[in-house]
C-alpha atoms as a PDB file:
ATOM      1  CA  MET A   1      58.098 107.815 160.432  1.00  0.00           C
ATOM      2  CA  ILE A   2      59.293 104.440 159.161  1.00  0.00           C
ATOM      3  CA  THR A   3      60.015 101.677 161.660  1.00  0.00           C
ATOM      4  CA  ILE A   4      62.988  99.464 160.832  1.00  0.00           C
ATOM      5  CA  ASN A   5      62.255  95.769 161.307  1.00  0.00           C
ATOM      6  CA  PHE A   6      65.365  94.474 163.042  1.00  0.00           C
ATOM      7  CA  ASP A   7      65.849  90.693 162.976  1.00  0.00           C
ATOM      8  CA  GLU A   8      65.648  88.362 165.997  1.00  0.00           C
ATOM      9  CA  LYS A   9      69.217  89.369 166.952  1.00  0.00           C
ATOM     10  CA  GLY A  10      68.303  93.052 166.790  1.00  0.00           C
ATOM     11  CA  LEU A  11      70.210  93.645 163.543  1.00  0.00           C
ATOM     12  CA  VAL A  12      69.444  94.954 160.071  1.00  0.00           C
ATOM     13  CA  PRO A  13      71.648  94.611 156.961  1.00  0.00           C
ATOM     14  CA  VAL A  14      73.083  97.929 155.772  1.00  0.00           C
ATOM     15  CA  ILE A  15      74.465  98.609 152.311  1.00  0.00           C
ATOM     16  CA  ALA A  16      76.889 101.528 152.101  1.00  0.00           C
ATOM     17  CA  GLN A  17      76.501 103.133 148.688  1.00  0.00           C
ATOM     18  CA  ASP A  18      78.461 106.036 147.229  1.00  0.00           C
ATOM     19  CA  ALA A  19      76.113 109.026 147.221  1.00  0.00           C
ATOM     20  CA  THR A  20      77.507 110.332 143.921  1.00  0.00           C
ATOM     21  CA  THR A  21      78.464 107.309 141.805  1.00  0.00           C
ATOM     22  CA  LYS A  22      75.931 104.899 143.370  1.00  0.00           C
ATOM     23  CA  ASP A  23      78.687 102.252 143.595  1.00  0.00           C
ATOM     24  CA  VAL A  24      78.019  99.661 146.294  1.00  0.00           C
ATOM     25  CA  LEU A  25      80.875  99.946 148.779  1.00  0.00           C
ATOM     26  CA  MET A  26      80.110  97.412 151.476  1.00  0.00           C
ATOM     27  CA  LEU A  27      77.529  95.399 153.378  1.00  0.00           C
ATOM     28  CA  ALA A  28      77.469  95.423 157.159  1.00  0.00           C
ATOM     29  CA  TYR A  29      74.914  95.190 159.948  1.00  0.00           C
ATOM     30  CA  ALA A  30      73.528  97.726 162.384  1.00  0.00           C
ATOM     31  CA  ASN A  31      71.499  97.568 165.540  1.00  0.00           C
ATOM     32  CA  LYS A  32      69.170 100.352 166.694  1.00  0.00           C
ATOM     33  CA  GLU A  33      71.956 102.123 168.564  1.00  0.00           C
ATOM     34  CA  ALA A  34      74.185 102.134 165.455  1.00  0.00           C
ATOM     35  CA  VAL A  35      71.388 103.571 163.297  1.00  0.00           C
ATOM     36  CA  ASP A  36      70.612 106.189 165.956  1.00  0.00           C
ATOM     37  CA  LEU A  37      74.303 107.178 166.174  1.00  0.00           C
ATOM     38  CA  THR A  38      74.497 107.394 162.390  1.00  0.00           C
ATOM     39  CA  GLN A  39      71.501 109.726 162.368  1.00  0.00           C
ATOM     40  CA  SER A  40      72.753 111.906 165.213  1.00  0.00           C
ATOM     41  CA  THR A  41      76.428 112.190 164.130  1.00  0.00           C
ATOM     42  CA  GLY A  42      76.121 112.040 160.339  1.00  0.00           C
ATOM     43  CA  TYR A  43      78.810 109.331 160.184  1.00  0.00           C
ATOM     44  CA  ALA A  44      78.235 105.635 159.529  1.00  0.00           C
ATOM     45  CA  HIS A  45      78.041 103.356 162.552  1.00  0.00           C
ATOM     46  CA  TYR A  46      77.580  99.600 162.425  1.00  0.00           C
ATOM     47  CA  TYR A  47      77.412  96.590 164.714  1.00  0.00           C
ATOM     48  CA  SER A  48      80.182  94.009 164.379  1.00  0.00           C
ATOM     49  CA  ARG A  49      78.784  90.499 164.635  1.00  0.00           C
ATOM     50  CA  SER A  50      82.272  88.994 165.031  1.00  0.00           C
ATOM     51  CA  ARG A  51      83.399  91.435 167.748  1.00  0.00           C
ATOM     52  CA  ASN A  52      79.926  91.903 169.288  1.00  0.00           C
ATOM     53  CA  LYS A  53      80.272  95.659 169.488  1.00  0.00           C
ATOM     54  CA  LEU A  54      79.370  98.948 167.877  1.00  0.00           C
ATOM     55  CA  TRP A  55      81.892 100.522 165.542  1.00  0.00           C
ATOM     56  CA  LYS A  56      82.228 103.735 163.613  1.00  0.00           C
ATOM     57  CA  LYS A  57      83.425 103.195 160.056  1.00  0.00           C
ATOM     58  CA  GLY A  58      86.931 104.602 159.853  1.00  0.00           C
ATOM     59  CA  GLU A  59      87.538 104.734 163.603  1.00  0.00           C
ATOM     60  CA  GLU A  60      90.898 102.990 163.145  1.00  0.00           C
ATOM     61  CA  SER A  61      91.789 103.700 159.506  1.00  0.00           C
ATOM     62  CA  GLY A  62      90.460 107.249 159.279  1.00  0.00           C
ATOM     63  CA  HIS A  63      88.409 106.192 156.230  1.00  0.00           C
ATOM     64  CA  LEU A  64      85.144 107.693 157.426  1.00  0.00           C
ATOM     65  CA  GLN A  65      81.754 107.507 155.753  1.00  0.00           C
ATOM     66  CA  LYS A  66      79.823 110.789 155.820  1.00  0.00           C
ATOM     67  CA  VAL A  67      76.163 109.809 155.564  1.00  0.00           C
ATOM     68  CA  HIS A  68      73.904 111.977 153.397  1.00  0.00           C
ATOM     69  CA  GLU A  69      70.748 109.916 153.575  1.00  0.00           C
ATOM     70  CA  ILE A  70      69.397 106.689 155.036  1.00  0.00           C
ATOM     71  CA  LEU A  71      67.000 104.706 152.856  1.00  0.00           C
ATOM     72  CA  VAL A  72      64.801 101.830 154.029  1.00  0.00           C
ATOM     73  CA  ASP A  73      63.526  99.091 151.697  1.00  0.00           C
ATOM     74  CA  CYS A  74      59.854  98.285 151.123  1.00  0.00           C
ATOM     75  CA  ASP A  75      59.804  95.514 153.764  1.00  0.00           C
ATOM     76  CA  GLU A  76      61.581  97.811 156.232  1.00  0.00           C
ATOM     77  CA  ASP A  77      64.180  95.091 156.893  1.00  0.00           C
ATOM     78  CA  ALA A  78      67.205  96.439 154.989  1.00  0.00           C
ATOM     79  CA  VAL A  79      68.866  99.854 154.915  1.00  0.00           C
ATOM     80  CA  ILE A  80      71.105 101.836 152.584  1.00  0.00           C
ATOM     81  CA  TYR A  81      73.481 104.514 153.834  1.00  0.00           C
ATOM     82  CA  LEU A  82      74.229 106.954 150.995  1.00  0.00           C
ATOM     83  CA  VAL A  83      77.750 108.094 151.838  1.00  0.00           C
ATOM     84  CA  ASP A  84      80.798 110.066 150.875  1.00  0.00           C
ATOM     85  CA  GLN A  85      83.607 107.549 151.418  1.00  0.00           C
ATOM     86  CA  LEU A  86      86.995 108.859 152.479  1.00  0.00           C
ATOM     87  CA  THR A  87      89.739 106.835 150.702  1.00  0.00           C
ATOM     88  CA  ALA A  88      88.265 103.310 150.687  1.00  0.00           C
ATOM     89  CA  ALA A  89      85.554 101.204 152.292  1.00  0.00           C
ATOM     90  CA  CYS A  90      87.265  97.806 152.380  1.00  0.00           C
ATOM     91  CA  HIS A  91      89.731  96.840 155.098  1.00  0.00           C
ATOM     92  CA  THR A  92      91.770  95.005 152.401  1.00  0.00           C
ATOM     93  CA  GLY A  93      92.549  98.364 150.790  1.00  0.00           C
ATOM     94  CA  TYR A  94      90.051  98.352 147.933  1.00  0.00           C
ATOM     95  CA  ARG A  95      87.560 101.146 147.345  1.00  0.00           C
ATOM     96  CA  SER A  96      84.678  98.648 147.556  1.00  0.00           C
ATOM     97  CA  CYS A  97      84.437  95.336 149.379  1.00  0.00           C
ATOM     98  CA  PHE A  98      83.014  93.965 146.121  1.00  0.00           C
ATOM     99  CA  TYR A  99      86.295  93.996 144.188  1.00  0.00           C
ATOM    100  CA  ARG A 100      86.392  90.359 142.972  1.00  0.00           C
ATOM    101  CA  ARG A 101      84.436  88.522 140.330  1.00  0.00           C
ATOM    102  CA  LEU A 102      83.097  85.031 140.976  1.00  0.00           C
ATOM    103  CA  ASP A 103      86.004  83.557 138.974  1.00  0.00           C
ATOM    104  CA  GLY A 104      88.449  85.254 141.380  1.00  0.00           C
ATOM    105  CA  THR A 105      89.715  87.987 139.087  1.00  0.00           C
ATOM    106  CA  VAL A 106      90.137  91.394 140.668  1.00  0.00           C
ATOM    107  CA  SER A 107      87.968  94.134 139.208  1.00  0.00           C
ATOM    108  CA  GLY A 108      88.520  96.860 141.767  1.00  0.00           C
ATOM    109  CA  GLU A 109      91.221  99.351 142.563  1.00  0.00           C
ATOM    110  CA  ARG A 110      93.404  99.065 145.669  1.00  0.00           C
ATOM    111  CA  MET A 111      93.545 102.446 147.361  1.00  0.00           C
ATOM    112  CA  PHE A 112      95.879 101.732 150.294  1.00  0.00           C
ATOM    113  CA  ASP A 113      98.119  99.098 151.852  1.00  0.00           C
ATOM    114  CA  PRO A 114      96.319  97.586 154.854  1.00  0.00           C
ATOM    115  CA  LYS A 115      99.655  96.703 156.514  1.00  0.00           C
ATOM    116  CA  GLU A 116     100.436 100.407 156.699  1.00  0.00           C
ATOM    117  CA  VAL A 117      96.987 101.513 157.868  1.00  0.00           C
ATOM    118  CA  TYR A 118      96.252  98.776 160.393  1.00  0.00           C
ATOM    119  CA  LYS A 119      99.599  98.546 162.171  1.00  0.00           C
ATOM    120  CA  LYS A 120      99.303  96.816 165.525  1.00  0.00           C
ATOM    121  CA  LYS A 121      99.259  99.276 168.358  1.00  0.00           C
ATOM    122  CA  GLU A 122     101.883  98.606 170.995  1.00  0.00           C
END
């Protein structure tokens, strides 16, 4: 069994990668609880550094990530979730969070309107 080397804050970077196309969808962080939940439920869980809490990808949008496999790098300090992504990974509506080139041009496809998906709950 591999041991993940979490950093001093108890986190590890996680790349979500499309299991079929191998496209990189997003980068997030996970703590041990998030990785354990991902393993036990089969759906991607992460730890939000800005909100200081666990979250399940798609819990608000419905854009879940079904995890097929978890890979650990050679230093055991980074993880890949190989996923089936429902609709899109990026909260801005793009399939991947990596939808812009360094010069600012858009190279990705917008899959949904975030204003419609993330309406404020009253």
